[in-house]
PDB file of N, CA and C in Angstrom:
ATOM      1  N   MET A   1      17.405 -17.693 -11.545  1.00  0.00           N
ATOM      2  CA  MET A   1      17.164 -17.192 -10.236  1.00  0.00           C
ATOM      3  C   MET A   1      15.976 -18.051  -9.664  1.00  0.00           C
ATOM      4  N   ASP A   2      16.209 -18.793  -8.562  1.00  0.00           N
ATOM      5  CA  ASP A   2      15.130 -19.568  -7.975  1.00  0.00           C
ATOM      6  C   ASP A   2      14.091 -18.763  -7.278  1.00  0.00           C
ATOM      7  N   SER A   3      12.947 -19.340  -6.979  1.00  0.00           N
ATOM      8  CA  SER A   3      11.818 -18.494  -6.539  1.00  0.00           C
ATOM      9  C   SER A   3      11.983 -18.007  -5.203  1.00  0.00           C
ATOM     10  N   THR A   4      12.857 -18.593  -4.377  1.00  0.00           N
ATOM     11  CA  THR A   4      13.176 -18.104  -2.919  1.00  0.00           C
ATOM     12  C   THR A   4      13.889 -16.814  -2.977  1.00  0.00           C
ATOM     13  N   HIS A   5      14.535 -16.448  -4.250  1.00  0.00           N
ATOM     14  CA  HIS A   5      15.314 -15.127  -4.299  1.00  0.00           C
ATOM     15  C   HIS A   5      14.746 -14.304  -5.346  1.00  0.00           C
ATOM     16  N   ALA A   6      13.446 -14.502  -5.758  1.00  0.00           N
ATOM     17  CA  ALA A   6      12.891 -13.549  -6.719  1.00  0.00           C
ATOM     18  C   ALA A   6      12.751 -12.184  -6.164  1.00  0.00           C
ATOM     19  N   PRO A   7      13.083 -11.219  -7.016  1.00  0.00           N
ATOM     20  CA  PRO A   7      13.062  -9.815  -6.472  1.00  0.00           C
ATOM     21  C   PRO A   7      11.633  -9.277  -6.189  1.00  0.00           C
ATOM     22  N   GLN A   8      11.539  -8.575  -5.132  1.00  0.00           N
ATOM     23  CA  GLN A   8      10.387  -7.904  -4.631  1.00  0.00           C
ATOM     24  C   GLN A   8      10.383  -6.506  -5.378  1.00  0.00           C
ATOM     25  N   LEU A   9       9.363  -6.164  -6.154  1.00  0.00           N
ATOM     26  CA  LEU A   9       9.455  -4.954  -7.032  1.00  0.00           C
ATOM     27  C   LEU A   9       8.381  -3.903  -6.303  1.00  0.00           C
ATOM     28  N   THR A  10       8.899  -2.680  -6.114  1.00  0.00           N
ATOM     29  CA  THR A  10       8.098  -1.658  -5.464  1.00  0.00           C
ATOM     30  C   THR A  10       8.379  -0.306  -6.102  1.00  0.00           C
ATOM     31  N   ASP A  11       7.451   0.609  -5.958  1.00  0.00           N
ATOM     32  CA  ASP A  11       7.497   2.024  -6.395  1.00  0.00           C
ATOM     33  C   ASP A  11       7.870   2.823  -5.118  1.00  0.00           C
ATOM     34  N   VAL A  12       9.166   3.309  -5.060  1.00  0.00           N
ATOM     35  CA  VAL A  12       9.511   4.245  -4.037  1.00  0.00           C
ATOM     36  C   VAL A  12       9.366   5.658  -4.483  1.00  0.00           C
ATOM     37  N   GLU A  13       8.040   6.083  -4.358  1.00  0.00           N
ATOM     38  CA  GLU A  13       7.695   7.534  -4.941  1.00  0.00           C
ATOM     39  C   GLU A  13       8.591   8.502  -4.386  1.00  0.00           C
ATOM     40  N   ALA A  14       8.872   8.519  -3.088  1.00  0.00           N
ATOM     41  CA  ALA A  14       9.771   9.654  -2.555  1.00  0.00           C
ATOM     42  C   ALA A  14      11.017   9.845  -3.285  1.00  0.00           C
ATOM     43  N   ASP A  15      11.564   8.716  -3.848  1.00  0.00           N
ATOM     44  CA  ASP A  15      12.873   8.794  -4.486  1.00  0.00           C
ATOM     45  C   ASP A  15      12.635   8.729  -5.964  1.00  0.00           C
ATOM     46  N   GLN A  16      11.496   8.721  -6.438  1.00  0.00           N
ATOM     47  CA  GLN A  16      11.179   8.593  -7.880  1.00  0.00           C
ATOM     48  C   GLN A  16      11.917   7.454  -8.555  1.00  0.00           C
ATOM     49  N   ARG A  17      11.761   6.195  -8.013  1.00  0.00           N
ATOM     50  CA  ARG A  17      12.401   5.088  -8.581  1.00  0.00           C
ATOM     51  C   ARG A  17      11.663   3.874  -8.200  1.00  0.00           C
ATOM     52  N   TYR A  18      11.656   2.814  -9.215  1.00  0.00           N
ATOM     53  CA  TYR A  18      11.186   1.521  -8.867  1.00  0.00           C
ATOM     54  C   TYR A  18      12.394   0.679  -8.433  1.00  0.00           C
ATOM     55  N   GLU A  19      12.173  -0.010  -7.361  1.00  0.00           N
ATOM     56  CA  GLU A  19      13.297  -0.843  -6.785  1.00  0.00           C
ATOM     57  C   GLU A  19      12.988  -2.267  -6.863  1.00  0.00           C
ATOM     58  N   ALA A  20      14.011  -3.125  -6.989  1.00  0.00           N
ATOM     59  CA  ALA A  20      13.940  -4.516  -6.910  1.00  0.00           C
ATOM     60  C   ALA A  20      14.776  -4.850  -5.682  1.00  0.00           C
ATOM     61  N   THR A  21      14.267  -5.548  -4.811  1.00  0.00           N
ATOM     62  CA  THR A  21      14.963  -5.973  -3.658  1.00  0.00           C
ATOM     63  C   THR A  21      14.943  -7.524  -3.575  1.00  0.00           C
ATOM     64  N   ILE A  22      16.140  -8.059  -3.087  1.00  0.00           N
ATOM     65  CA  ILE A  22      16.236  -9.516  -2.903  1.00  0.00           C
ATOM     66  C   ILE A  22      16.718  -9.660  -1.431  1.00  0.00           C
ATOM     67  N   ASP A  23      16.046 -10.474  -0.721  1.00  0.00           N
ATOM     68  CA  ASP A  23      16.301 -10.720   0.786  1.00  0.00           C
ATOM     69  C   ASP A  23      16.520  -9.401   1.442  1.00  0.00           C
ATOM     70  N   GLY A  24      15.653  -8.425   1.204  1.00  0.00           N
ATOM     71  CA  GLY A  24      15.725  -7.074   1.916  1.00  0.00           C
ATOM     72  C   GLY A  24      16.800  -6.115   1.439  1.00  0.00           C
ATOM     73  N   GLU A  25      17.622  -6.537   0.457  1.00  0.00           N
ATOM     74  CA  GLU A  25      18.677  -5.672  -0.067  1.00  0.00           C
ATOM     75  C   GLU A  25      18.273  -5.104  -1.477  1.00  0.00           C
ATOM     76  N   VAL A  26      18.583  -3.984  -1.773  1.00  0.00           N
ATOM     77  CA  VAL A  26      18.357  -3.477  -3.104  1.00  0.00           C
ATOM     78  C   VAL A  26      19.278  -4.098  -4.056  1.00  0.00           C
ATOM     79  N   ALA A  27      18.581  -4.785  -5.120  1.00  0.00           N
ATOM     80  CA  ALA A  27      19.317  -5.426  -6.181  1.00  0.00           C
ATOM     81  C   ALA A  27      19.363  -4.572  -7.442  1.00  0.00           C
ATOM     82  N   GLY A  28      18.622  -3.641  -7.630  1.00  0.00           N
ATOM     83  CA  GLY A  28      18.501  -2.830  -8.778  1.00  0.00           C
ATOM     84  C   GLY A  28      17.380  -1.757  -8.675  1.00  0.00           C
ATOM     85  N   TYR A  29      17.387  -0.794  -9.596  1.00  0.00           N
ATOM     86  CA  TYR A  29      16.349   0.253  -9.505  1.00  0.00           C
ATOM     87  C   TYR A  29      16.245   0.891 -10.931  1.00  0.00           C
ATOM     88  N   ILE A  30      15.108   1.564 -11.206  1.00  0.00           N
ATOM     89  CA  ILE A  30      14.982   2.430 -12.361  1.00  0.00           C
ATOM     90  C   ILE A  30      14.526   3.783 -11.812  1.00  0.00           C
ATOM     91  N   GLU A  31      15.202   4.771 -12.203  1.00  0.00           N
ATOM     92  CA  GLU A  31      14.879   6.192 -11.793  1.00  0.00           C
ATOM     93  C   GLU A  31      13.918   6.718 -12.801  1.00  0.00           C
ATOM     94  N   TYR A  32      12.843   7.439 -12.348  1.00  0.00           N
ATOM     95  CA  TYR A  32      11.814   7.952 -13.259  1.00  0.00           C
ATOM     96  C   TYR A  32      11.548   9.374 -12.928  1.00  0.00           C
ATOM     97  N   VAL A  33      10.787   9.982 -13.939  1.00  0.00           N
ATOM     98  CA  VAL A  33      10.070  11.306 -13.735  1.00  0.00           C
ATOM     99  C   VAL A  33       8.657  11.137 -14.285  1.00  0.00           C
ATOM    100  N   ILE A  34       7.701  11.639 -13.643  1.00  0.00           N
ATOM    101  CA  ILE A  34       6.309  11.671 -14.113  1.00  0.00           C
ATOM    102  C   ILE A  34       5.908  13.112 -14.319  1.00  0.00           C
ATOM    103  N   LYS A  35       5.579  13.427 -15.511  1.00  0.00           N
ATOM    104  CA  LYS A  35       5.078  14.816 -15.858  1.00  0.00           C
ATOM    105  C   LYS A  35       4.060  14.646 -17.065  1.00  0.00           C
ATOM    106  N   TYR A  36       3.065  15.488 -17.006  1.00  0.00           N
ATOM    107  CA  TYR A  36       2.118  15.599 -18.260  1.00  0.00           C
ATOM    108  C   TYR A  36       1.586  14.308 -18.641  1.00  0.00           C
ATOM    109  N   GLY A  37       1.420  13.402 -17.746  1.00  0.00           N
ATOM    110  CA  GLY A  37       0.721  12.101 -18.139  1.00  0.00           C
ATOM    111  C   GLY A  37       1.771  11.196 -18.813  1.00  0.00           C
ATOM    112  N   ARG A  38       3.105  11.466 -18.683  1.00  0.00           N
ATOM    113  CA  ARG A  38       4.191  10.634 -19.271  1.00  0.00           C
ATOM    114  C   ARG A  38       5.091  10.078 -18.056  1.00  0.00           C
ATOM    115  N   LEU A  39       5.588   8.868 -18.321  1.00  0.00           N
ATOM    116  CA  LEU A  39       6.486   8.378 -17.253  1.00  0.00           C
ATOM    117  C   LEU A  39       7.777   8.165 -18.070  1.00  0.00           C
ATOM    118  N   ALA A  40       8.819   9.009 -17.710  1.00  0.00           N
ATOM    119  CA  ALA A  40      10.129   8.929 -18.390  1.00  0.00           C
ATOM    120  C   ALA A  40      11.052   8.054 -17.475  1.00  0.00           C
ATOM    121  N   LEU A  41      11.482   6.981 -18.091  1.00  0.00           N
ATOM    122  CA  LEU A  41      12.356   5.959 -17.424  1.00  0.00           C
ATOM    123  C   LEU A  41      13.831   6.389 -17.766  1.00  0.00           C
ATOM    124  N   ILE A  42      14.449   7.001 -16.791  1.00  0.00           N
ATOM    125  CA  ILE A  42      15.729   7.696 -17.127  1.00  0.00           C
ATOM    126  C   ILE A  42      17.047   6.816 -16.961  1.00  0.00           C
ATOM    127  N   HIS A  43      16.988   6.115 -15.865  1.00  0.00           N
ATOM    128  CA  HIS A  43      18.274   5.306 -15.590  1.00  0.00           C
ATOM    129  C   HIS A  43      17.968   4.027 -14.940  1.00  0.00           C
ATOM    130  N   THR A  44      18.670   2.912 -15.395  1.00  0.00           N
ATOM    131  CA  THR A  44      18.463   1.645 -14.747  1.00  0.00           C
ATOM    132  C   THR A  44      19.782   1.178 -14.178  1.00  0.00           C
ATOM    133  N   GLU A  45      19.836   0.766 -13.034  1.00  0.00           N
ATOM    134  CA  GLU A  45      21.020   0.242 -12.440  1.00  0.00           C
ATOM    135  C   GLU A  45      20.748  -1.091 -11.694  1.00  0.00           C
ATOM    136  N   VAL A  46      21.596  -2.039 -12.053  1.00  0.00           N
ATOM    137  CA  VAL A  46      21.459  -3.360 -11.358  1.00  0.00           C
ATOM    138  C   VAL A  46      22.907  -3.635 -10.755  1.00  0.00           C
ATOM    139  N   LEU A  47      22.849  -3.949  -9.392  1.00  0.00           N
ATOM    140  CA  LEU A  47      24.105  -4.228  -8.752  1.00  0.00           C
ATOM    141  C   LEU A  47      24.860  -5.466  -9.427  1.00  0.00           C
ATOM    142  N   PRO A  48      26.181  -5.312  -9.484  1.00  0.00           N
ATOM    143  CA  PRO A  48      26.842  -6.371 -10.223  1.00  0.00           C
ATOM    144  C   PRO A  48      26.645  -7.825  -9.752  1.00  0.00           C
ATOM    145  N   GLU A  49      26.333  -8.095  -8.417  1.00  0.00           N
ATOM    146  CA  GLU A  49      26.110  -9.382  -7.966  1.00  0.00           C
ATOM    147  C   GLU A  49      24.700  -9.863  -8.514  1.00  0.00           C
ATOM    148  N   HIS A  50      23.984  -9.006  -9.091  1.00  0.00           N
ATOM    149  CA  HIS A  50      22.635  -9.458  -9.468  1.00  0.00           C
ATOM    150  C   HIS A  50      22.443  -9.399 -11.054  1.00  0.00           C
ATOM    151  N   GLU A  51      23.466  -9.021 -11.692  1.00  0.00           N
ATOM    152  CA  GLU A  51      23.383  -8.917 -13.206  1.00  0.00           C
ATOM    153  C   GLU A  51      23.304 -10.237 -13.698  1.00  0.00           C
ATOM    154  N   GLY A  52      22.411 -10.398 -14.865  1.00  0.00           N
ATOM    155  CA  GLY A  52      22.220 -11.595 -15.572  1.00  0.00           C
ATOM    156  C   GLY A  52      21.233 -12.549 -14.823  1.00  0.00           C
ATOM    157  N   GLN A  53      20.421 -11.982 -13.805  1.00  0.00           N
ATOM    158  CA  GLN A  53      19.494 -12.703 -13.155  1.00  0.00           C
ATOM    159  C   GLN A  53      18.065 -12.279 -13.454  1.00  0.00           C
ATOM    160  N   GLY A  54      17.959 -11.288 -14.339  1.00  0.00           N
ATOM    161  CA  GLY A  54      16.571 -10.853 -14.866  1.00  0.00           C
ATOM    162  C   GLY A  54      16.032  -9.763 -14.025  1.00  0.00           C
ATOM    163  N   VAL A  55      16.887  -9.151 -13.095  1.00  0.00           N
ATOM    164  CA  VAL A  55      16.437  -8.026 -12.389  1.00  0.00           C
ATOM    165  C   VAL A  55      16.054  -6.845 -13.205  1.00  0.00           C
ATOM    166  N   GLY A  56      16.895  -6.466 -14.221  1.00  0.00           N
ATOM    167  CA  GLY A  56      16.609  -5.212 -15.107  1.00  0.00           C
ATOM    168  C   GLY A  56      15.384  -5.474 -15.880  1.00  0.00           C
ATOM    169  N   GLY A  57      15.228  -6.654 -16.525  1.00  0.00           N
ATOM    170  CA  GLY A  57      13.991  -6.921 -17.284  1.00  0.00           C
ATOM    171  C   GLY A  57      12.719  -6.790 -16.374  1.00  0.00           C
ATOM    172  N   GLY A  58      12.897  -7.362 -15.216  1.00  0.00           N
ATOM    173  CA  GLY A  58      11.784  -7.407 -14.255  1.00  0.00           C
ATOM    174  C   GLY A  58      11.316  -5.978 -13.955  1.00  0.00           C
ATOM    175  N   LEU A  59      12.292  -5.112 -13.708  1.00  0.00           N
ATOM    176  CA  LEU A  59      12.116  -3.693 -13.375  1.00  0.00           C
ATOM    177  C   LEU A  59      11.354  -3.107 -14.446  1.00  0.00           C
ATOM    178  N   VAL A  60      11.852  -3.232 -15.748  1.00  0.00           N
ATOM    179  CA  VAL A  60      11.039  -2.608 -16.937  1.00  0.00           C
ATOM    180  C   VAL A  60       9.756  -3.090 -16.976  1.00  0.00           C
ATOM    181  N   ARG A  61       9.430  -4.428 -16.892  1.00  0.00           N
ATOM    182  CA  ARG A  61       8.134  -5.030 -16.902  1.00  0.00           C
ATOM    183  C   ARG A  61       7.225  -4.255 -15.859  1.00  0.00           C
ATOM    184  N   PHE A  62       7.799  -4.168 -14.631  1.00  0.00           N
ATOM    185  CA  PHE A  62       6.994  -3.497 -13.554  1.00  0.00           C
ATOM    186  C   PHE A  62       6.761  -2.094 -13.915  1.00  0.00           C
ATOM    187  N   ALA A  63       7.732  -1.379 -14.411  1.00  0.00           N
ATOM    188  CA  ALA A  63       7.518   0.084 -14.772  1.00  0.00           C
ATOM    189  C   ALA A  63       6.370   0.161 -15.787  1.00  0.00           C
ATOM    190  N   ILE A  64       6.372  -0.682 -16.835  1.00  0.00           N
ATOM    191  CA  ILE A  64       5.428  -0.558 -17.798  1.00  0.00           C
ATOM    192  C   ILE A  64       4.054  -1.007 -17.332  1.00  0.00           C
ATOM    193  N   ALA A  65       3.983  -2.061 -16.447  1.00  0.00           N
ATOM    194  CA  ALA A  65       2.592  -2.319 -15.945  1.00  0.00           C
ATOM    195  C   ALA A  65       2.151  -1.185 -15.094  1.00  0.00           C
ATOM    196  N   GLU A  66       2.993  -0.458 -14.362  1.00  0.00           N
ATOM    197  CA  GLU A  66       2.620   0.619 -13.515  1.00  0.00           C
ATOM    198  C   GLU A  66       2.087   1.793 -14.430  1.00  0.00           C
ATOM    199  N   ALA A  67       2.758   1.924 -15.534  1.00  0.00           N
ATOM    200  CA  ALA A  67       2.341   3.041 -16.466  1.00  0.00           C
ATOM    201  C   ALA A  67       0.943   2.708 -17.031  1.00  0.00           C
ATOM    202  N   ARG A  68       0.768   1.449 -17.379  1.00  0.00           N
ATOM    203  CA  ARG A  68      -0.539   1.009 -17.930  1.00  0.00           C
ATOM    204  C   ARG A  68      -1.643   1.257 -16.853  1.00  0.00           C
ATOM    205  N   ARG A  69      -1.390   0.738 -15.587  1.00  0.00           N
ATOM    206  CA  ARG A  69      -2.261   0.916 -14.434  1.00  0.00           C
ATOM    207  C   ARG A  69      -2.670   2.265 -14.277  1.00  0.00           C
ATOM    208  N   ARG A  70      -1.721   3.241 -14.433  1.00  0.00           N
ATOM    209  CA  ARG A  70      -1.913   4.730 -14.052  1.00  0.00           C
ATOM    210  C   ARG A  70      -2.390   5.498 -15.308  1.00  0.00           C
ATOM    211  N   GLY A  71      -2.511   4.863 -16.473  1.00  0.00           N
ATOM    212  CA  GLY A  71      -2.879   5.618 -17.735  1.00  0.00           C
ATOM    213  C   GLY A  71      -1.792   6.541 -18.244  1.00  0.00           C
ATOM    214  N   LEU A  72      -0.478   6.110 -18.034  1.00  0.00           N
ATOM    215  CA  LEU A  72       0.606   7.004 -18.479  1.00  0.00           C
ATOM    216  C   LEU A  72       1.213   6.436 -19.778  1.00  0.00           C
ATOM    217  N   ARG A  73       1.810   7.336 -20.607  1.00  0.00           N
ATOM    218  CA  ARG A  73       2.670   6.964 -21.715  1.00  0.00           C
ATOM    219  C   ARG A  73       4.034   6.868 -21.192  1.00  0.00           C
ATOM    220  N   VAL A  74       4.893   5.995 -21.840  1.00  0.00           N
ATOM    221  CA  VAL A  74       6.304   5.704 -21.383  1.00  0.00           C
ATOM    222  C   VAL A  74       7.275   6.424 -22.432  1.00  0.00           C
ATOM    223  N   ILE A  75       8.201   7.035 -21.778  1.00  0.00           N
ATOM    224  CA  ILE A  75       9.413   7.663 -22.534  1.00  0.00           C
ATOM    225  C   ILE A  75      10.632   6.939 -22.089  1.00  0.00           C
ATOM    226  N   PRO A  76      11.207   6.035 -23.024  1.00  0.00           N
ATOM    227  CA  PRO A  76      12.314   5.273 -22.606  1.00  0.00           C
ATOM    228  C   PRO A  76      13.702   5.997 -22.834  1.00  0.00           C
ATOM    229  N   THR A  77      14.018   6.875 -21.949  1.00  0.00           N
ATOM    230  CA  THR A  77      15.248   7.568 -22.190  1.00  0.00           C
ATOM    231  C   THR A  77      16.502   6.758 -21.847  1.00  0.00           C
ATOM    232  N   CYS A  78      16.417   5.825 -20.875  1.00  0.00           N
ATOM    233  CA  CYS A  78      17.380   4.972 -20.517  1.00  0.00           C
ATOM    234  C   CYS A  78      17.755   3.999 -21.593  1.00  0.00           C
ATOM    235  N   PRO A  79      18.995   3.836 -21.911  1.00  0.00           N
ATOM    236  CA  PRO A  79      19.323   2.848 -23.105  1.00  0.00           C
ATOM    237  C   PRO A  79      18.965   1.449 -22.780  1.00  0.00           C
ATOM    238  N   PHE A  80      18.882   0.860 -21.574  1.00  0.00           N
ATOM    239  CA  PHE A  80      18.523  -0.402 -21.270  1.00  0.00           C
ATOM    240  C   PHE A  80      17.098  -0.570 -21.501  1.00  0.00           C
ATOM    241  N   VAL A  81      16.204   0.449 -20.946  1.00  0.00           N
ATOM    242  CA  VAL A  81      14.789   0.376 -21.199  1.00  0.00           C
ATOM    243  C   VAL A  81      14.502   0.571 -22.673  1.00  0.00           C
ATOM    244  N   ARG A  82      15.187   1.392 -23.385  1.00  0.00           N
ATOM    245  CA  ARG A  82      14.927   1.454 -24.849  1.00  0.00           C
ATOM    246  C   ARG A  82      15.166   0.157 -25.602  1.00  0.00           C
ATOM    247  N   SER A  83      16.247  -0.495 -25.242  1.00  0.00           N
ATOM    248  CA  SER A  83      16.567  -1.832 -25.819  1.00  0.00           C
ATOM    249  C   SER A  83      15.476  -2.769 -25.512  1.00  0.00           C
ATOM    250  N   TYR A  84      15.029  -2.699 -24.295  1.00  0.00           N
ATOM    251  CA  TYR A  84      13.989  -3.711 -23.864  1.00  0.00           C
ATOM    252  C   TYR A  84      12.762  -3.438 -24.684  1.00  0.00           C
ATOM    253  N   VAL A  85      12.286  -2.217 -24.700  1.00  0.00           N
ATOM    254  CA  VAL A  85      10.976  -2.037 -25.483  1.00  0.00           C
ATOM    255  C   VAL A  85      11.108  -2.203 -26.914  1.00  0.00           C
ATOM    256  N   GLU A  86      12.311  -1.958 -27.591  1.00  0.00           N
ATOM    257  CA  GLU A  86      12.498  -2.163 -28.961  1.00  0.00           C
ATOM    258  C   GLU A  86      12.295  -3.731 -29.299  1.00  0.00           C
ATOM    259  N   SER A  87      12.706  -4.630 -28.358  1.00  0.00           N
ATOM    260  CA  SER A  87      12.562  -5.977 -28.639  1.00  0.00           C
ATOM    261  C   SER A  87      11.232  -6.660 -27.977  1.00  0.00           C
ATOM    262  N   HIS A  88      10.391  -5.779 -27.519  1.00  0.00           N
ATOM    263  CA  HIS A  88       9.134  -6.301 -26.981  1.00  0.00           C
ATOM    264  C   HIS A  88       7.943  -5.432 -27.460  1.00  0.00           C
ATOM    265  N   PRO A  89       7.483  -5.942 -28.750  1.00  0.00           N
ATOM    266  CA  PRO A  89       6.367  -5.139 -29.406  1.00  0.00           C
ATOM    267  C   PRO A  89       5.123  -4.965 -28.596  1.00  0.00           C
ATOM    268  N   GLU A  90       4.872  -5.760 -27.585  1.00  0.00           N
ATOM    269  CA  GLU A  90       3.749  -5.711 -26.782  1.00  0.00           C
ATOM    270  C   GLU A  90       3.772  -4.384 -25.850  1.00  0.00           C
ATOM    271  N   THR A  91       4.853  -3.792 -25.879  1.00  0.00           N
ATOM    272  CA  THR A  91       4.971  -2.557 -25.150  1.00  0.00           C
ATOM    273  C   THR A  91       4.690  -1.258 -26.028  1.00  0.00           C
ATOM    274  N   HIS A  92       4.921  -1.380 -27.302  1.00  0.00           N
ATOM    275  CA  HIS A  92       4.910  -0.248 -28.218  1.00  0.00           C
ATOM    276  C   HIS A  92       3.577   0.632 -28.065  1.00  0.00           C
ATOM    277  N   ASP A  93       2.390   0.070 -27.696  1.00  0.00           N
ATOM    278  CA  ASP A  93       1.297   0.844 -27.716  1.00  0.00           C
ATOM    279  C   ASP A  93       1.266   2.039 -26.691  1.00  0.00           C
ATOM    280  N   ILE A  94       2.149   2.033 -25.713  1.00  0.00           N
ATOM    281  CA  ILE A  94       2.153   3.094 -24.732  1.00  0.00           C
ATOM    282  C   ILE A  94       3.527   3.777 -24.752  1.00  0.00           C
ATOM    283  N   VAL A  95       4.346   3.332 -25.624  1.00  0.00           N
ATOM    284  CA  VAL A  95       5.789   3.926 -25.575  1.00  0.00           C
ATOM    285  C   VAL A  95       5.821   5.064 -26.595  1.00  0.00           C
ATOM    286  N   ILE A  96       6.304   6.230 -26.182  1.00  0.00           N
ATOM    287  CA  ILE A  96       6.532   7.418 -27.148  1.00  0.00           C
ATOM    288  C   ILE A  96       7.991   7.497 -27.492  1.00  0.00           C
ATOM    289  N   GLY A  97       8.192   7.870 -28.728  1.00  0.00           N
ATOM    290  CA  GLY A  97       9.599   8.073 -29.255  1.00  0.00           C
ATOM    291  C   GLY A  97      10.334   6.870 -29.720  1.00  0.00           C
ATOM    292  N   MET A  98       9.563   5.923 -30.263  1.00  0.00           N
ATOM    293  CA  MET A  98      10.253   4.758 -30.733  1.00  0.00           C
ATOM    294  C   MET A  98      10.966   5.192 -32.157  1.00  0.00           C
ATOM    295  N   PRO A  99      12.070   4.476 -32.516  1.00  0.00           N
ATOM    296  CA  PRO A  99      12.837   4.846 -33.646  1.00  0.00           C
ATOM    297  C   PRO A  99      12.039   4.613 -34.947  1.00  0.00           C
ATOM    298  N   PRO A 100      12.292   5.304 -36.001  1.00  0.00           N
ATOM    299  CA  PRO A 100      11.564   5.204 -37.276  1.00  0.00           C
ATOM    300  C   PRO A 100      11.419   3.798 -37.613  1.00  0.00           C
ATOM    301  N   GLY A 101      10.290   3.496 -38.244  1.00  0.00           N
ATOM    302  CA  GLY A 101      10.013   2.001 -38.560  1.00  0.00           C
ATOM    303  C   GLY A 101       9.345   1.115 -37.573  1.00  0.00           C
ATOM    304  N   GLN A 102       9.328   1.700 -36.301  1.00  0.00           N
ATOM    305  CA  GLN A 102       8.699   0.893 -35.199  1.00  0.00           C
ATOM    306  C   GLN A 102       7.402   1.684 -34.733  1.00  0.00           C
ATOM    307  N   PRO A 103       6.291   1.068 -34.574  1.00  0.00           N
ATOM    308  CA  PRO A 103       5.127   1.780 -34.141  1.00  0.00           C
ATOM    309  C   PRO A 103       5.333   2.269 -32.823  1.00  0.00           C
ATOM    310  N   SER A 104       4.721   3.431 -32.442  1.00  0.00           N
ATOM    311  CA  SER A 104       4.772   3.952 -31.049  1.00  0.00           C
ATOM    312  C   SER A 104       3.450   4.561 -30.767  1.00  0.00           C
ATOM    313  N   ALA A 105       3.174   4.910 -29.565  1.00  0.00           N
ATOM    314  CA  ALA A 105       1.990   5.533 -29.087  1.00  0.00           C
ATOM    315  C   ALA A 105       1.946   6.933 -29.598  1.00  0.00           C
ATOM    316  N   THR A 106       0.754   7.340 -29.804  1.00  0.00           N
ATOM    317  CA  THR A 106       0.582   8.805 -30.162  1.00  0.00           C
ATOM    318  C   THR A 106       0.783   9.641 -29.034  1.00  0.00           C
ATOM    319  N   ARG A 107       0.939  10.897 -29.273  1.00  0.00           N
ATOM    320  CA  ARG A 107       1.140  11.863 -28.216  1.00  0.00           C
ATOM    321  C   ARG A 107      -0.170  11.864 -27.355  1.00  0.00           C
TER     322      ARG A 107
END
């Protein structure tokens, strides 16, 4: 994806989702719930015309950065997010519920 079409990432708190927009159109989003100091990332959706362009990974990175900024722990319930964090050990310090054998944040 060239830099003129890089996604704009925002937190749409009223809809409880992080959105990626390209040229003003929604390219993808992650739905979330925040409770008890935890950010549950529930579902990721990338529109077909934007698949394979790094939109999903960008959304996960943005969500994790937001969790760090707000002092939240992350619960990756979405399979896409879980797969991302499993392959990115730099996220494990704030992730709750990692599979056995992988370090995770404490409660």
